[in-house]
Amino acid sequence: MIKYRIPALLLALSPLWVTASVNAEQVTQADPVASIDEKISIKQSEIDTISSEYEAEGAKLQQLKNEEERLQREADELDAKRNRAKSALDKQYSRLLDDPETDLVSFQKKYQETWAAVKQNQSEKLANDQSATESEMRLSQIKQKQARLKTEFTNLEESRTEARVRRLESELRESSVLETSYKTVCAATMTLGDCANQGIYLTKQKAVKMFRAKLLDGVTESSIVKQNTNGVELNIHVQESQIIKSGFEGSSDYVAQMQAQLQAKPEAVAACKLLNVSTRYCLQSAADDNTNKKNDKQWANVTVRSDQYNDSVTINGINYGSTPVEIVLPAGRHQVTVSKDGFETYNRVITVNGNDSVWVKLRPNKNG
């Protein structure tokens, strides 16, 4: 017989999901990664510009050095010409002693021309050396600015990786209300109770798989994340659940349909593993989370165990199957019931202040 129940869980929990969705939208609108990407783009443009300036100044300095070599070769040639002109003029002076009619004017003019050429070369060399010195100074300044821009670029890339990790950590903390159903084929050796418990358990497992797929599809860098899921513990928990429809169909089928609120409590380095970056980016976040946990005990992991198999655990009126049961509960008081045919029912109110384990010893029913 199939039993239907009013699906109140979705209505009760929908404000939480709406809030989470609104927050996710706000995060998208104020995405710090996008802001850093814009800064990186601007910085890359500055680096490209300064690199062009460096190349242009380097080419200019090389031209000045080539000109320096040319002027030096010219200086050597001019010195040789001046020396020859001086030698020729000296010979004419010697002849003048024997022949007063000896022509000195043309030799003097030749010497003066070579000397003027030497002075012009020296002036050009001085100006070229000054330009080369100034160019080297500009090149050094550009190189320093280039190094500073590269450092700023590296820092921005570091900040971008940190922002990507923080964004993914935030996205992985999102919760969702899902509705799912599952049909279980009961083994001939199972009791009806065992089959029902198995059906509910498998329905929850299906909800967990659905939530995991939805969660990974919804993150900003979904394509990268999906490539790195191996070995990553997302620790998805069913926080609340409500059976909408349940019961047996035919002789061996059990059908369960439920609504459940689920949330991931990923391991501390999950975001780093999923983005394939160094785990050091997650260490500071984990430290911050530990600090927050000291100040905020809103949720805690609670494990319920007993000394019996095939028992039944109910917490706050919701059945979670047989022990061991691991569940995330908000801080405060919770009704825990553990029962099994032939044993006295364990029924206690526990106070959750942090991660805890509840160990139950079931006593045989005296009336049995």
Protein backbone atom coordinates (compact mmCIF):
# COMPACT_ATOMS: atom_id res chain seq x y z
CA MET A 1 0.00 0.00 0.00
CA ILE A 2 1.35 3.41 -0.96
CA LYS A 3 1.07 6.14 1.66
CA TYR A 4 1.06 9.87 0.79
CA ARG A 5 2.10 12.68 3.08
CA ILE A 6 1.84 16.44 2.77
CA PRO A 7 5.17 17.71 1.31
CA ALA A 8 5.70 20.45 3.88
CA LEU A 9 9.50 20.28 3.94
CA LEU A 10 9.93 22.18 0.71
CA LEU A 11 7.73 25.01 1.98
CA ALA A 12 9.46 25.04 5.32
CA LEU A 13 12.95 25.08 3.86
CA SER A 14 12.38 27.13 0.72
CA PRO A 15 13.29 30.43 2.44
CA LEU A 16 16.71 28.93 3.16
CA TRP A 17 17.15 27.95 -0.47
CA VAL A 18 15.89 31.33 -1.70
CA THR A 19 18.35 33.05 0.61
CA ALA A 20 21.17 30.87 -0.65
CA SER A 21 20.21 31.60 -4.25
CA VAL A 22 20.04 35.35 -3.60
CA ASN A 23 23.44 35.22 -1.91
CA ALA A 24 24.84 33.27 -4.85
CA GLU A 25 23.49 35.93 -7.22
CA GLN A 26 25.05 38.69 -5.12
CA VAL A 27 28.38 36.87 -5.15
CA THR A 28 28.17 36.61 -8.94
CA GLN A 29 27.41 40.30 -9.27
CA ALA A 30 30.32 41.24 -7.03
CA ASP A 31 32.66 38.51 -8.23
CA PRO A 32 36.13 39.40 -6.90
CA VAL A 33 37.75 37.16 -9.51
CA ALA A 34 36.27 39.25 -12.32
CA SER A 35 37.54 42.41 -10.65
CA ILE A 36 41.04 40.95 -10.38
CA ASP A 37 40.86 39.71 -13.98
CA GLU A 38 40.23 43.29 -15.07
CA LYS A 39 43.22 44.50 -13.07
CA ILE A 40 45.36 41.72 -14.54
CA SER A 41 44.30 42.76 -18.05
CA ILE A 42 45.25 46.37 -17.36
CA LYS A 43 48.55 45.31 -15.81
CA GLN A 44 49.32 43.06 -18.79
CA SER A 45 48.68 46.00 -21.10
CA GLU A 46 51.12 48.09 -19.04
CA ILE A 47 53.69 45.29 -19.22
CA ASP A 48 53.28 45.03 -23.00
CA THR A 49 53.70 48.80 -23.35
CA ILE A 50 56.80 48.92 -21.16
CA SER A 51 58.23 45.92 -23.01
CA SER A 52 57.82 47.80 -26.30
CA GLU A 53 59.52 50.84 -24.74
CA TYR A 54 62.34 48.63 -23.52
CA GLU A 55 62.84 47.08 -26.94
CA ALA A 56 62.76 50.50 -28.64
CA GLU A 57 65.23 52.01 -26.17
CA GLY A 58 67.44 48.95 -26.44
CA ALA A 59 67.47 49.28 -30.23
CA LYS A 60 68.31 52.99 -29.89
CA LEU A 61 71.20 52.23 -27.53
CA GLN A 62 72.53 49.62 -29.93
CA GLN A 63 72.44 52.21 -32.73
CA LEU A 64 74.39 54.64 -30.54
CA LYS A 65 76.97 51.94 -29.79
CA ASN A 66 77.28 51.19 -33.50
CA GLU A 67 77.72 54.90 -34.14
CA GLU A 68 80.37 55.05 -31.42
CA GLU A 69 82.34 52.31 -33.18
CA ARG A 70 82.02 54.13 -36.51
CA LEU A 71 83.16 57.43 -35.01
CA GLN A 72 86.12 55.69 -33.40
CA ARG A 73 87.18 54.21 -36.75
CA GLU A 74 86.75 57.64 -38.31
CA ALA A 75 88.82 59.19 -35.52
CA ASP A 76 91.67 56.78 -36.18
CA GLU A 77 91.58 57.63 -39.90
CA LEU A 78 91.41 61.40 -39.21
CA ASP A 79 94.33 61.23 -36.78
CA ALA A 80 96.35 59.45 -39.45
CA LYS A 81 95.46 62.13 -42.04
CA ARG A 82 96.32 64.93 -39.62
CA ASN A 83 99.68 63.33 -38.84
CA ARG A 84 100.44 63.03 -42.55
CA ALA A 85 99.42 66.64 -43.14
CA LYS A 86 101.58 67.80 -40.23
CA SER A 87 104.53 65.79 -41.53
CA ALA A 88 104.12 67.30 -44.99
CA LEU A 89 103.89 70.82 -43.50
CA ASP A 90 107.03 70.25 -41.41
CA LYS A 91 108.92 69.23 -44.57
CA GLN A 92 107.82 72.43 -46.29
CA TYR A 93 109.12 74.48 -43.35
CA SER A 94 112.49 72.72 -43.72
CA ARG A 95 112.56 73.61 -47.42
CA LEU A 96 111.69 77.18 -46.61
CA LEU A 97 115.15 77.62 -45.08
CA ASP A 98 116.76 76.79 -48.46
CA ASP A 99 114.06 78.29 -50.69
CA PRO A 100 112.13 81.31 -49.39
CA GLU A 101 109.71 80.91 -52.32
CA THR A 102 108.48 77.56 -50.99
CA ASP A 103 104.67 77.36 -50.89
CA LEU A 104 103.30 76.82 -47.36
CA VAL A 105 99.70 77.96 -47.85
CA SER A 106 98.29 74.78 -49.40
CA PHE A 107 100.03 72.57 -46.82
CA GLN A 108 98.83 74.79 -43.98
CA LYS A 109 95.28 74.65 -45.36
CA LYS A 110 95.43 70.86 -45.64
CA TYR A 111 96.66 70.58 -42.06
CA GLN A 112 93.96 72.97 -40.80
CA GLU A 113 91.24 70.96 -42.63
CA THR A 114 92.38 67.66 -41.10
CA TRP A 115 92.58 69.25 -37.66
CA ALA A 116 89.04 70.67 -38.04
CA ALA A 117 87.81 67.22 -39.07
CA VAL A 118 89.40 65.72 -35.94
CA LYS A 119 87.69 68.33 -33.75
CA GLN A 120 84.36 67.68 -35.47
CA ASN A 121 84.78 63.95 -34.87
CA GLN A 122 85.61 64.55 -31.22
CA SER A 123 82.50 66.72 -30.86
CA GLU A 124 80.32 64.05 -32.48
CA LYS A 125 81.83 61.36 -30.26
CA LEU A 126 81.16 63.42 -27.15
CA ALA A 127 77.52 63.99 -28.15
CA ASN A 128 77.10 60.31 -29.03
CA ASP A 129 78.64 59.22 -25.70
CA GLN A 130 76.27 61.56 -23.85
CA SER A 131 73.27 60.16 -25.74
CA ALA A 132 74.41 56.59 -25.02
CA THR A 133 74.76 57.38 -21.31
CA GLU A 134 71.27 58.90 -21.22
CA SER A 135 69.89 55.92 -23.13
CA GLU A 136 71.47 53.48 -20.67
CA MET A 137 69.92 55.44 -17.80
CA ARG A 138 66.47 55.34 -19.46
CA LEU A 139 66.91 51.64 -20.19
CA SER A 140 67.76 51.01 -16.52
CA GLN A 141 64.70 52.98 -15.39
CA ILE A 142 62.46 51.09 -17.83
CA LYS A 143 63.92 47.79 -16.64
CA GLN A 144 63.18 48.70 -13.02
CA LYS A 145 59.61 49.68 -13.93
CA GLN A 146 59.28 46.46 -15.93
CA ALA A 147 60.40 44.40 -12.91
CA ARG A 148 57.94 46.27 -10.66
CA LEU A 149 55.06 45.65 -13.07
CA LYS A 150 55.93 41.96 -13.31
CA THR A 151 55.95 41.72 -9.51
CA GLU A 152 52.56 43.45 -9.35
CA PHE A 153 51.29 41.09 -12.06
CA THR A 154 52.52 38.06 -10.09
CA ASN A 155 50.83 39.40 -6.95
CA LEU A 156 47.57 39.87 -8.87
CA GLU A 157 47.77 36.30 -10.17
CA GLU A 158 48.31 35.13 -6.59
CA SER A 159 45.30 37.16 -5.45
CA ARG A 160 43.27 35.75 -8.33
CA THR A 161 44.03 32.17 -7.28
CA GLU A 162 43.09 33.01 -3.68
CA ALA A 163 39.85 34.62 -4.89
CA ARG A 164 39.03 31.59 -7.06
CA VAL A 165 39.50 29.32 -4.05
CA ARG A 166 37.34 31.52 -1.80
CA ARG A 167 34.63 31.71 -4.48
CA LEU A 168 34.53 27.95 -4.90
CA GLU A 169 34.52 27.39 -1.13
CA SER A 170 31.49 29.67 -0.91
CA GLU A 171 29.73 27.91 -3.80
CA LEU A 172 30.34 24.49 -2.26
CA ARG A 173 28.62 25.56 0.96
CA GLU A 174 25.32 26.16 -0.85
CA SER A 175 22.33 24.08 0.25
CA SER A 176 19.38 22.83 -1.77
CA VAL A 177 15.99 21.17 -1.36
CA LEU A 178 15.49 18.26 -3.75
CA GLU A 179 12.66 15.84 -4.41
CA THR A 180 13.59 12.31 -5.41
CA SER A 181 12.13 8.82 -5.55
CA TYR A 182 13.51 5.31 -5.65
CA LYS A 183 12.10 1.82 -6.13
CA THR A 184 13.75 -0.99 -4.17
CA VAL A 185 13.44 -4.66 -5.03
CA CYS A 186 13.29 -6.48 -1.72
CA ALA A 187 15.28 -9.67 -1.25
CA ALA A 188 13.28 -12.74 -0.24
CA THR A 189 15.23 -13.01 3.01
CA MET A 190 14.46 -9.42 4.10
CA THR A 191 11.69 -8.45 6.50
CA LEU A 192 9.27 -5.70 5.46
CA GLY A 193 10.91 -3.35 7.95
CA ASP A 194 14.38 -4.08 6.62
CA CYS A 195 13.21 -3.52 3.07
CA ALA A 196 11.53 -0.22 3.99
CA ASN A 197 14.66 0.98 5.79
CA GLN A 198 16.78 0.01 2.80
CA GLY A 199 14.42 1.82 0.45
CA ILE A 200 14.57 5.03 2.47
CA TYR A 201 18.34 4.76 2.74
CA LEU A 202 18.76 4.25 -1.02
CA THR A 203 16.40 7.14 -1.75
CA LYS A 204 18.58 9.38 0.40
CA GLN A 205 21.68 8.13 -1.40
CA LYS A 206 20.07 9.00 -4.72
CA ALA A 207 19.28 12.47 -3.37
CA VAL A 208 22.93 12.83 -2.36
CA LYS A 209 24.08 11.90 -5.89
CA MET A 210 21.59 14.31 -7.45
CA PHE A 211 22.70 17.11 -5.15
CA ARG A 212 26.37 16.39 -5.89
CA ALA A 213 25.77 16.60 -9.64
CA LYS A 214 23.74 19.79 -9.24
CA LEU A 215 26.38 21.32 -7.00
CA LEU A 216 29.24 20.62 -9.43
CA ASP A 217 27.17 21.84 -12.38
CA GLY A 218 26.40 25.09 -10.57
CA VAL A 219 29.88 26.27 -9.60
CA THR A 220 31.49 29.00 -11.69
CA GLU A 221 34.42 26.88 -12.87
CA SER A 222 32.40 23.72 -13.36
CA SER A 223 34.43 22.35 -16.30
CA ILE A 224 37.71 22.54 -14.34
CA VAL A 225 36.15 21.25 -11.13
CA LYS A 226 34.66 18.17 -12.80
CA GLN A 227 38.11 17.15 -14.06
CA ASN A 228 39.51 17.01 -10.52
CA THR A 229 36.80 15.33 -8.43
CA ASN A 230 38.70 12.08 -7.81
CA GLY A 231 39.77 11.83 -4.18
CA VAL A 232 37.86 14.95 -3.10
CA GLU A 233 35.56 14.54 -0.10
CA LEU A 234 32.50 16.77 -0.43
CA ASN A 235 30.80 15.18 2.62
CA ILE A 236 27.22 15.75 1.50
CA HIS A 237 24.69 15.46 4.31
CA VAL A 238 20.91 15.14 4.40
CA GLN A 239 20.07 17.83 6.94
CA GLU A 240 16.31 17.38 6.88
CA SER A 241 14.02 15.03 4.97
CA GLN A 242 10.34 14.23 4.66
CA ILE A 243 8.65 11.24 3.06
CA ILE A 244 6.02 12.29 0.50
CA LYS A 245 5.02 8.83 -0.65
CA SER A 246 6.11 5.40 0.50
CA GLY A 247 4.87 1.84 0.46
CA PHE A 248 4.99 -1.55 -1.23
CA GLU A 249 4.06 -2.24 -4.81
CA GLY A 250 3.41 -5.79 -5.86
CA SER A 251 5.03 -8.52 -3.84
CA SER A 252 8.64 -7.31 -3.56
CA ASP A 253 8.94 -3.65 -4.59
CA TYR A 254 9.18 -0.77 -2.12
CA VAL A 255 8.73 2.78 -3.42
CA ALA A 256 9.84 5.87 -1.51
CA GLN A 257 9.50 9.50 -2.61
CA MET A 258 10.93 12.23 -0.41
CA GLN A 259 11.95 15.84 -0.15
CA ALA A 260 15.29 16.54 1.48
CA GLN A 261 17.49 19.48 2.27
CA LEU A 262 21.13 18.72 1.55
CA GLN A 263 24.36 20.56 2.10
CA ALA A 264 28.01 19.77 1.46
CA LYS A 265 30.58 20.01 4.24
CA PRO A 266 33.69 19.60 2.06
CA GLU A 267 37.13 18.79 3.41
CA ALA A 268 39.34 21.77 4.19
CA VAL A 269 41.39 21.51 0.97
CA ALA A 270 38.54 20.49 -1.35
CA ALA A 271 38.48 23.78 -3.28
CA CYS A 272 42.24 23.63 -3.89
CA LYS A 273 42.04 20.05 -5.14
CA LEU A 274 39.10 20.81 -7.41
CA LEU A 275 40.88 23.82 -8.93
CA ASN A 276 44.18 21.91 -9.08
CA VAL A 277 46.11 24.58 -7.16
CA SER A 278 48.43 24.33 -4.17
CA THR A 279 46.67 23.38 -0.93
CA ARG A 280 48.39 26.30 0.79
CA TYR A 281 45.64 28.55 -0.60
CA CYS A 282 43.13 26.60 1.51
CA LEU A 283 45.15 26.61 4.74
CA GLN A 284 44.36 30.20 5.65
CA SER A 285 40.70 29.62 4.84
CA ALA A 286 40.69 26.53 7.05
CA ALA A 287 42.27 28.54 9.87
CA ASP A 288 39.59 31.20 9.45
CA ASP A 289 36.89 28.52 9.50
CA ASN A 290 38.30 27.09 12.73
CA THR A 291 38.19 30.55 14.26
CA ASN A 292 34.61 31.00 13.12
CA LYS A 293 33.64 27.59 14.51
CA LYS A 294 34.89 28.64 17.93
CA ASN A 295 32.56 31.60 17.78
CA ASP A 296 29.71 29.92 15.88
CA LYS A 297 28.42 26.47 16.84
CA GLN A 298 25.47 26.56 14.45
CA TRP A 299 26.07 23.10 12.94
CA ALA A 300 27.77 19.96 14.21
CA ASN A 301 28.42 16.42 13.00
CA VAL A 302 26.63 13.87 15.20
CA THR A 303 27.13 10.11 14.93
CA VAL A 304 24.64 7.63 16.43
CA ARG A 305 25.80 4.05 17.02
CA SER A 306 24.34 1.06 18.87
CA ASP A 307 25.35 -2.47 19.82
CA GLN A 308 22.71 -4.00 17.52
CA TYR A 309 22.29 -4.54 13.78
CA ASN A 310 19.16 -3.70 11.76
CA ASP A 311 17.94 -1.19 14.32
CA SER A 312 16.11 2.03 13.46
CA VAL A 313 17.25 5.59 14.26
CA THR A 314 14.78 8.46 14.37
CA ILE A 315 15.93 12.03 15.07
CA ASN A 316 13.34 14.76 15.53
CA GLY A 317 10.70 12.47 14.01
CA ILE A 318 12.71 11.69 10.85
CA ASN A 319 13.90 8.13 10.30
CA TYR A 320 17.54 7.76 9.20
CA GLY A 321 17.73 3.97 8.92
CA SER A 322 19.97 1.68 10.95
CA THR A 323 23.14 2.56 12.80
CA PRO A 324 25.72 3.87 12.34
CA VAL A 325 24.04 7.14 11.36
CA GLU A 326 26.02 10.32 10.66
CA ILE A 327 24.08 13.58 10.37
CA VAL A 328 24.69 17.31 10.56
CA LEU A 329 22.49 18.93 13.21
CA PRO A 330 22.10 22.51 14.37
CA ALA A 331 23.23 23.34 17.88
CA GLY A 332 20.53 22.78 20.49
CA ARG A 333 18.26 20.02 21.79
CA HIS A 334 17.23 17.05 19.63
CA GLN A 335 15.03 13.99 20.21
CA VAL A 336 16.92 10.75 19.43
CA THR A 337 15.12 7.40 19.26
CA VAL A 338 16.77 4.03 18.56
CA SER A 339 14.50 0.98 18.33
CA LYS A 340 14.52 -2.66 17.33
CA ASP A 341 11.99 -5.46 17.63
CA GLY A 342 12.61 -7.45 20.81
CA PHE A 343 14.48 -4.61 22.54
CA GLU A 344 13.50 -1.70 24.73
CA THR A 345 13.36 1.57 22.79
CA TYR A 346 16.10 4.12 23.53
CA ASN A 347 14.47 7.53 23.69
CA ARG A 348 16.49 10.55 24.84
CA VAL A 349 16.79 14.30 24.30
CA ILE A 350 20.39 15.23 23.57
CA THR A 351 21.97 18.68 23.56
CA VAL A 352 24.30 19.35 20.64
CA ASN A 353 27.06 21.88 21.25
CA GLY A 354 29.66 20.48 18.86
CA ASN A 355 30.72 17.35 17.01
CA ASP A 356 29.65 14.37 19.10
CA SER A 357 28.85 10.64 19.09
CA VAL A 358 25.87 8.99 20.75
CA TRP A 359 26.50 5.37 21.84
CA VAL A 360 23.37 3.33 22.53
CA LYS A 361 23.12 -0.05 24.27
CA LEU A 362 19.77 -1.65 23.59
CA ARG A 363 18.40 -3.88 26.34
CA PRO A 364 16.33 -6.98 25.53
CA ASN A 365 12.62 -6.44 26.02
CA LYS A 366 11.65 -8.12 29.31
CA ASN A 367 8.10 -8.68 28.08
CA GLY A 368 9.43 -10.56 25.06
